[in-house]
Amino acid sequence: MGKVVLVTGVARRLGGRLVRRIQRDPTVDRVLAVDTVEPDHDLGDAEFVRADIRHPTVGRVLIENAVDTVVHMDVTGTPLGPRASRASLKETNVIGTMQLLGACQKAPSVERLVVKSSTNVYGSAPRDPAVFTETTVPRRLPSGGFAKDTVEVEGYVRGFARRRPDVAVAVLRFANILGPGADTPLAEYFALPVLPTVLGYDPRLQFVHEDDVIDVLMLAAGKPRKGHLNSGTFNIAGDGVLLLSQCARRLGRPTAPTLLPAVTWIGSALRSVGMTDFAPEQIRLLTHGRVVDTRQMREVLGFAPGYTTTQTFCDFAGSLGPGLLPPDQVGRAVDALAARLGLGRIAGTAADHHDSATKERTHG
């Protein structure tokens, strides 16, 4: 008999992709796909189980099917469906995780647990360190939203790991996930025709490609590679960083630099009409940015992303189509302005970014 893997959050596109990928693993015998609603995408030969992880019924699923590997994907910042609310999302993230961990604790067959988390646990604040490691204590804990959910979720996971030391637990803290099929709040923000930004700030951002997300989840859910461990907490991000201004130029979208209170008001207005989930935590990210160290990912977990941060963003940008402003013209305009102001060094740097972006669009 091969492994029996249970995956939560399969109604979302990323969860569905993971389910289909797991089925190609020759060591896996069965895949149980769990969610409250039946997905509108194909799950292959997986057995769909309509269950709410907030309720104890998930415990029976684990025990009756002798599940040995659980991949918890149902920790997210994006509501599923037009009727979903922030309150129901928090319940699924926090209460659902509590119930799932309680069920795993009572299921003797469970040997491995993989949890999809986020670098949001570090928050975004003006006095943050330049780079966060997995052991860095945030100067300011997130006060609400998805970021606070992830902090609470990880706390419950640590408690479970103490109670069941026989279970291998991997917590993957993903940077902002992008790609042609990304449905994250940040992807919605970048799809706006004009990008509201905070006046005086140009934050550093990191991205991870959705293909790499699937690959690293598979690695964490399987047998450890020789010389590596796939239990512990790991930052997952593509190499390098991009400034928000560089992202806007690659998209060909103009920015609207605005004072922070006005950006907060704009975010509330956009959220109220359903254009994008411009939550306070996202505004803080777009003000102060966030960069994480990924040495543990490479040296301990043994994972090397296939996409850098820049390559990830370029692949995402290509899926959106042209913006209001041609990126080449935006680059030349910025370079010309810098030169006129006598900022030769900055102008040269901008030109380098422009040339790099052109090559990336040409060569993929």
Protein backbone atom coordinates (compact mmCIF):
# COMPACT_ATOMS: atom_id res chain seq x y z
CA MET A 1 0.00 0.00 0.00
CA GLY A 2 1.24 3.49 -0.90
CA LYS A 3 0.72 6.72 1.00
CA VAL A 4 -2.69 8.22 1.68
CA VAL A 5 -2.53 12.01 1.37
CA LEU A 6 -5.22 14.47 2.47
CA VAL A 7 -5.18 18.00 1.02
CA THR A 8 -7.36 20.85 2.32
CA GLY A 9 -8.45 23.93 0.37
CA VAL A 10 -8.80 22.11 -2.96
CA ALA A 11 -11.56 24.41 -4.28
CA ARG A 12 -8.87 27.00 -4.89
CA ARG A 13 -6.82 26.77 -8.05
CA LEU A 14 -3.51 26.20 -6.26
CA GLY A 15 -4.97 23.41 -4.15
CA GLY A 16 -6.38 21.74 -7.24
CA ARG A 17 -2.99 21.90 -8.99
CA LEU A 18 -1.32 20.28 -5.99
CA VAL A 19 -3.87 17.47 -5.90
CA ARG A 20 -3.30 16.66 -9.57
CA ARG A 21 0.47 16.78 -9.08
CA ILE A 22 0.42 14.45 -6.05
CA GLN A 23 -1.40 11.82 -8.09
CA ARG A 24 1.64 11.54 -10.36
CA ASP A 25 3.78 10.47 -7.38
CA PRO A 26 4.26 6.68 -7.65
CA THR A 27 4.58 6.38 -3.86
CA VAL A 28 1.03 7.73 -3.34
CA ASP A 29 -1.88 5.30 -3.40
CA ARG A 30 -4.82 7.61 -2.65
CA VAL A 31 -5.47 11.35 -2.49
CA LEU A 32 -8.36 12.79 -0.48
CA ALA A 33 -9.33 16.32 -1.57
CA VAL A 34 -11.21 18.25 1.13
CA ASP A 35 -13.19 21.47 0.90
CA THR A 36 -16.63 22.85 1.74
CA VAL A 37 -17.56 23.39 -1.92
CA GLU A 38 -16.91 21.19 -4.92
CA PRO A 39 -14.23 22.79 -7.10
CA ASP A 40 -14.95 23.86 -10.67
CA HIS A 41 -11.58 22.48 -11.81
CA ASP A 42 -10.49 18.91 -12.43
CA LEU A 43 -9.13 16.90 -9.51
CA GLY A 44 -8.13 13.89 -11.57
CA ASP A 45 -8.69 10.59 -9.76
CA ALA A 46 -8.65 12.17 -6.30
CA GLU A 47 -11.54 11.40 -3.97
CA PHE A 48 -13.37 14.63 -3.24
CA VAL A 49 -14.66 14.88 0.33
CA ARG A 50 -17.11 17.67 1.08
CA ALA A 51 -16.17 18.58 4.63
CA ASP A 52 -15.67 21.70 6.71
CA ILE A 53 -12.38 21.61 8.60
CA ARG A 54 -13.99 23.83 11.24
CA HIS A 55 -16.10 20.85 12.31
CA PRO A 56 -15.01 17.56 13.92
CA THR A 57 -16.09 15.54 10.88
CA VAL A 58 -12.61 15.91 9.39
CA GLY A 59 -11.35 13.68 12.22
CA ARG A 60 -13.44 10.76 10.98
CA VAL A 61 -12.06 11.26 7.48
CA LEU A 62 -8.49 10.98 8.78
CA ILE A 63 -9.10 7.87 10.87
CA GLU A 64 -11.42 5.97 8.52
CA ASN A 65 -9.01 6.41 5.60
CA ALA A 66 -5.78 5.87 7.59
CA VAL A 67 -4.33 9.15 6.27
CA ASP A 68 -0.57 9.38 6.81
CA THR A 69 0.20 12.76 5.16
CA VAL A 70 -1.78 15.99 5.57
CA VAL A 71 -1.12 19.07 3.43
CA HIS A 72 -2.99 22.04 4.88
CA MET A 73 -3.55 24.52 2.05
CA ASP A 74 -6.66 26.19 3.51
CA VAL A 75 -4.80 29.10 5.11
CA THR A 76 -5.35 32.07 2.84
CA GLY A 77 -6.05 35.78 2.69
CA THR A 78 -8.48 35.66 -0.22
CA PRO A 79 -12.18 34.86 0.36
CA LEU A 80 -13.58 32.09 -1.83
CA GLY A 81 -16.71 33.21 -3.63
CA PRO A 82 -18.70 36.47 -3.53
CA ARG A 83 -20.55 35.52 -0.33
CA ALA A 84 -17.43 34.85 1.70
CA SER A 85 -16.63 37.36 4.40
CA ARG A 86 -13.52 38.29 6.35
CA ALA A 87 -15.13 36.71 9.46
CA SER A 88 -15.71 33.37 7.75
CA LEU A 89 -12.21 33.48 6.28
CA LYS A 90 -10.69 33.99 9.74
CA GLU A 91 -12.76 31.11 11.10
CA THR A 92 -11.46 28.80 8.41
CA ASN A 93 -7.87 29.96 8.86
CA VAL A 94 -7.77 29.83 12.65
CA ILE A 95 -10.66 27.69 13.95
CA GLY A 96 -10.34 25.34 10.97
CA THR A 97 -6.63 24.84 11.64
CA MET A 98 -7.34 24.17 15.34
CA GLN A 99 -9.89 21.50 14.47
CA LEU A 100 -7.65 19.93 11.82
CA LEU A 101 -4.70 19.75 14.21
CA GLY A 102 -6.91 18.27 16.90
CA ALA A 103 -8.04 15.62 14.44
CA CYS A 104 -4.42 14.92 13.41
CA GLN A 105 -3.45 14.54 17.05
CA LYS A 106 -6.06 11.81 17.55
CA ALA A 107 -5.24 9.99 14.29
CA PRO A 108 -2.38 7.55 14.93
CA SER A 109 -1.82 7.01 11.21
CA VAL A 110 -0.69 10.62 10.59
CA GLU A 111 3.07 10.78 10.09
CA ARG A 112 3.61 14.06 8.24
CA LEU A 113 1.99 17.49 8.28
CA VAL A 114 2.74 20.30 5.81
CA VAL A 115 1.25 23.75 6.46
CA LYS A 116 1.06 26.56 3.90
CA SER A 117 1.94 29.73 5.80
CA SER A 118 3.13 33.18 4.75
CA THR A 119 5.93 35.66 5.31
CA ASN A 120 3.10 37.91 6.54
CA VAL A 121 3.95 36.54 10.00
CA TYR A 122 6.83 39.05 10.10
CA GLY A 123 4.55 42.01 9.46
CA SER A 124 5.80 45.23 7.85
CA ALA A 125 7.04 48.11 9.98
CA PRO A 126 9.37 51.10 9.50
CA ARG A 127 12.12 49.76 11.79
CA ASP A 128 12.12 46.17 10.51
CA PRO A 129 15.45 44.48 9.81
CA ALA A 130 16.66 44.51 6.22
CA VAL A 131 16.17 40.73 5.97
CA PHE A 132 14.04 38.39 8.09
CA THR A 133 15.29 34.91 9.01
CA GLU A 134 13.05 32.15 10.32
CA THR A 135 14.12 32.97 13.88
CA THR A 136 13.70 36.75 13.66
CA VAL A 137 11.19 38.10 16.15
CA PRO A 138 9.07 40.83 14.50
CA ARG A 139 9.41 44.28 16.05
CA ARG A 140 5.68 44.70 15.69
CA LEU A 141 3.32 41.73 15.53
CA PRO A 142 0.50 41.97 12.97
CA SER A 143 -2.60 43.44 14.61
CA GLY A 144 -5.23 42.04 12.30
CA GLY A 145 -6.18 40.47 8.98
CA PHE A 146 -4.52 37.53 7.30
CA ALA A 147 -1.15 38.37 8.86
CA LYS A 148 -2.56 37.91 12.36
CA ASP A 149 -4.26 34.69 11.22
CA THR A 150 -0.92 33.23 10.11
CA VAL A 151 0.69 34.10 13.44
CA GLU A 152 -2.11 32.30 15.31
CA VAL A 153 -2.02 29.34 12.92
CA GLU A 154 1.71 28.87 13.41
CA GLY A 155 1.26 29.04 17.17
CA TYR A 156 -1.23 26.17 17.06
CA VAL A 157 1.08 24.19 14.75
CA ARG A 158 3.96 24.54 17.22
CA GLY A 159 1.68 23.28 19.98
CA PHE A 160 0.70 20.28 17.87
CA ALA A 161 4.36 19.50 17.15
CA ARG A 162 5.07 19.39 20.89
CA ARG A 163 2.14 17.07 21.53
CA ARG A 164 2.94 14.76 18.60
CA PRO A 165 6.75 14.70 18.32
CA ASP A 166 6.45 11.56 16.19
CA VAL A 167 4.89 13.61 13.36
CA ALA A 168 7.22 15.40 10.93
CA VAL A 169 5.92 18.98 10.63
CA ALA A 170 6.91 21.43 7.88
CA VAL A 171 5.74 25.06 7.90
CA LEU A 172 6.37 26.84 4.61
CA ARG A 173 6.32 30.63 4.82
CA PHE A 174 5.67 31.75 1.27
CA ALA A 175 6.52 35.20 -0.03
CA ASN A 176 3.89 36.86 -2.25
CA ILE A 177 2.72 34.18 -4.69
CA LEU A 178 2.47 35.30 -8.32
CA GLY A 179 2.12 33.67 -11.71
CA PRO A 180 -0.28 33.62 -14.66
CA GLY A 181 -3.02 32.06 -12.52
CA ALA A 182 -2.42 33.89 -9.25
CA ASP A 183 -5.56 35.01 -7.40
CA THR A 184 -3.94 36.77 -4.44
CA PRO A 185 -4.72 40.28 -3.15
CA LEU A 186 -1.37 41.53 -4.45
CA ALA A 187 -2.12 40.13 -7.91
CA GLU A 188 -5.41 42.05 -7.86
CA TYR A 189 -3.55 45.21 -6.87
CA PHE A 190 -1.08 44.90 -9.75
CA ALA A 191 -4.00 44.40 -12.14
CA LEU A 192 -5.38 47.88 -11.38
CA PRO A 193 -4.99 50.33 -14.31
CA VAL A 194 -3.30 52.86 -11.97
CA LEU A 195 -1.35 51.73 -8.89
CA PRO A 196 -1.92 53.76 -5.71
CA THR A 197 1.39 54.10 -3.85
CA VAL A 198 2.45 55.77 -0.63
CA LEU A 199 4.21 59.07 -1.26
CA GLY A 200 7.88 58.93 -0.32
CA TYR A 201 8.15 55.13 -0.15
CA ASP A 202 9.46 52.59 -2.65
CA PRO A 203 9.31 49.23 -0.83
CA ARG A 204 11.39 46.14 -1.62
CA LEU A 205 9.26 43.13 -2.56
CA GLN A 206 9.88 39.41 -3.03
CA PHE A 207 7.81 36.93 -5.02
CA VAL A 208 7.57 33.18 -5.43
CA HIS A 209 6.21 31.59 -8.59
CA GLU A 210 3.13 29.38 -8.29
CA ASP A 211 5.04 26.55 -10.05
CA ASP A 212 7.70 26.70 -7.35
CA VAL A 213 4.98 26.64 -4.70
CA ILE A 214 3.76 23.30 -6.03
CA ASP A 215 7.30 21.91 -6.29
CA VAL A 216 8.28 22.80 -2.73
CA LEU A 217 4.99 21.48 -1.31
CA MET A 218 5.69 18.18 -3.05
CA LEU A 219 9.19 18.13 -1.59
CA ALA A 220 7.94 18.85 1.93
CA ALA A 221 5.21 16.20 1.69
CA GLY A 222 7.55 13.46 0.49
CA LYS A 223 10.58 11.59 1.71
CA PRO A 224 13.51 13.88 2.65
CA ARG A 225 16.30 14.11 0.11
CA LYS A 226 19.64 12.68 1.09
CA GLY A 227 21.49 15.05 3.40
CA HIS A 228 18.45 17.30 3.89
CA LEU A 229 15.47 17.65 6.26
CA ASN A 230 11.91 18.50 5.30
CA SER A 231 10.63 19.29 8.76
CA GLY A 232 10.90 22.71 10.37
CA THR A 233 10.00 26.26 9.36
CA PHE A 234 11.23 27.62 6.03
CA ASN A 235 11.04 30.94 4.19
CA ILE A 236 10.16 30.29 0.54
CA ALA A 237 10.94 33.03 -2.01
CA GLY A 238 12.64 33.54 -5.34
CA ASP A 239 16.11 35.03 -5.41
CA GLY A 240 16.44 38.80 -5.54
CA VAL A 241 14.08 41.70 -4.87
CA LEU A 242 12.15 44.27 -6.89
CA LEU A 243 11.20 47.79 -5.90
CA LEU A 244 7.54 48.67 -6.28
CA SER A 245 8.52 51.33 -8.84
CA GLN A 246 10.29 48.66 -10.91
CA CYS A 247 7.17 46.49 -10.79
CA ALA A 248 5.05 49.37 -12.06
CA ARG A 249 7.47 50.02 -14.93
CA ARG A 250 7.46 46.36 -15.97
CA LEU A 251 3.67 46.43 -16.00
CA GLY A 252 3.47 49.70 -17.92
CA ARG A 253 1.13 51.05 -15.27
CA PRO A 254 1.34 54.58 -13.91
CA THR A 255 1.53 55.09 -10.16
CA ALA A 256 -0.44 57.59 -8.09
CA PRO A 257 1.80 58.59 -5.15
CA THR A 258 -0.50 59.63 -2.32
CA LEU A 259 -0.18 60.51 1.34
CA LEU A 260 -0.65 57.47 3.58
CA PRO A 261 -4.07 58.50 5.02
CA ALA A 262 -5.40 58.97 1.49
CA VAL A 263 -4.03 55.56 0.41
CA THR A 264 -5.86 54.00 3.34
CA TRP A 265 -9.07 55.70 2.22
CA ILE A 266 -8.53 54.58 -1.38
CA GLY A 267 -7.94 51.03 -0.16
CA SER A 268 -11.21 51.04 1.79
CA ALA A 269 -13.07 52.37 -1.25
CA LEU A 270 -11.60 49.71 -3.56
CA ARG A 271 -12.38 46.98 -1.04
CA SER A 272 -15.97 48.18 -0.62
CA VAL A 273 -16.67 47.92 -4.37
CA GLY A 274 -14.94 44.55 -4.61
CA MET A 275 -12.14 45.64 -6.96
CA THR A 276 -9.36 44.37 -4.71
CA ASP A 277 -8.82 43.34 -1.11
CA PHE A 278 -6.69 46.37 -0.23
CA ALA A 279 -6.38 45.39 3.43
CA PRO A 280 -4.36 47.41 5.98
CA GLU A 281 -1.65 44.72 6.04
CA GLN A 282 -1.21 45.10 2.27
CA ILE A 283 -0.92 48.86 2.62
CA ARG A 284 1.84 48.34 5.20
CA LEU A 285 3.61 45.95 2.81
CA LEU A 286 3.39 48.53 0.01
CA THR A 287 4.81 51.13 2.40
CA HIS A 288 7.66 49.33 4.16
CA GLY A 289 8.14 46.18 2.06
CA ARG A 290 9.53 42.86 3.32
CA VAL A 291 12.53 40.69 2.42
CA VAL A 292 13.31 37.24 3.86
CA ASP A 293 16.42 35.09 3.99
CA THR A 294 16.13 31.75 2.15
CA ARG A 295 19.31 29.94 3.16
CA GLN A 296 17.36 27.42 5.23
CA MET A 297 15.23 26.65 2.17
CA ARG A 298 18.33 25.82 0.13
CA GLU A 299 20.68 24.28 2.69
CA VAL A 300 18.29 22.40 5.01
CA LEU A 301 15.22 21.71 2.87
CA GLY A 302 17.29 21.30 -0.30
CA PHE A 303 14.99 23.35 -2.53
CA ALA A 304 16.13 25.77 -5.25
CA PRO A 305 13.30 27.76 -6.90
CA GLY A 306 13.11 27.63 -10.68
CA TYR A 307 12.16 31.31 -10.87
CA THR A 308 13.82 34.38 -9.40
CA THR A 309 11.69 37.20 -8.01
CA THR A 310 12.16 39.16 -11.26
CA GLN A 311 11.36 36.17 -13.48
CA THR A 312 8.26 35.44 -11.42
CA PHE A 313 7.01 38.98 -11.79
CA CYS A 314 7.74 39.08 -15.53
CA ASP A 315 5.78 35.85 -16.05
CA PHE A 316 2.88 37.32 -14.09
CA ALA A 317 3.08 40.64 -15.93
CA GLY A 318 2.95 38.86 -19.29
CA SER A 319 -0.39 37.32 -18.33
CA LEU A 320 -1.98 40.73 -17.68
CA GLY A 321 -1.41 42.19 -21.12
CA PRO A 322 -0.19 45.73 -21.87
CA GLY A 323 -0.72 48.53 -19.37
CA LEU A 324 -1.68 52.14 -20.03
CA LEU A 325 1.96 53.12 -20.58
CA PRO A 326 4.45 51.17 -22.73
CA PRO A 327 7.20 49.97 -20.33
CA ASP A 328 9.98 51.06 -22.72
CA GLN A 329 8.66 54.62 -22.86
CA VAL A 330 8.25 54.73 -19.08
CA GLY A 331 11.87 53.62 -18.66
CA ARG A 332 13.19 56.23 -21.08
CA ALA A 333 11.12 58.97 -19.42
CA VAL A 334 12.43 58.11 -15.96
CA ASP A 335 16.01 57.94 -17.24
CA ALA A 336 15.65 61.30 -19.02
CA LEU A 337 14.21 62.95 -15.89
CA ALA A 338 17.03 61.59 -13.74
CA ALA A 339 19.63 62.85 -16.21
CA ARG A 340 18.03 66.31 -16.34
CA LEU A 341 18.13 66.50 -12.54
CA GLY A 342 21.82 65.64 -12.64
CA LEU A 343 21.34 62.19 -11.12
CA GLY A 344 23.70 60.46 -13.51
CA ARG A 345 24.31 57.44 -11.33
CA ILE A 346 20.62 56.91 -10.73
CA ALA A 347 19.94 57.41 -14.42
CA GLY A 348 22.49 54.73 -15.25
CA THR A 349 20.91 52.37 -12.76
CA ALA A 350 17.47 53.03 -14.21
CA ALA A 351 18.77 52.34 -17.69
CA ASP A 352 20.23 49.05 -16.48
CA HIS A 353 16.84 48.07 -15.06
CA HIS A 354 15.22 49.09 -18.34
CA ASP A 355 17.66 46.96 -20.38
CA SER A 356 17.21 44.03 -17.99
CA ALA A 357 13.43 44.24 -18.23
CA THR A 358 13.62 44.32 -22.03
CA LYS A 359 15.81 41.20 -22.09
CA GLU A 360 13.47 39.40 -19.70
CA ARG A 361 10.45 40.15 -21.86
CA THR A 362 12.35 38.99 -24.94
CA HIS A 363 13.85 35.81 -23.52
CA GLY A 364 11.15 34.84 -21.05
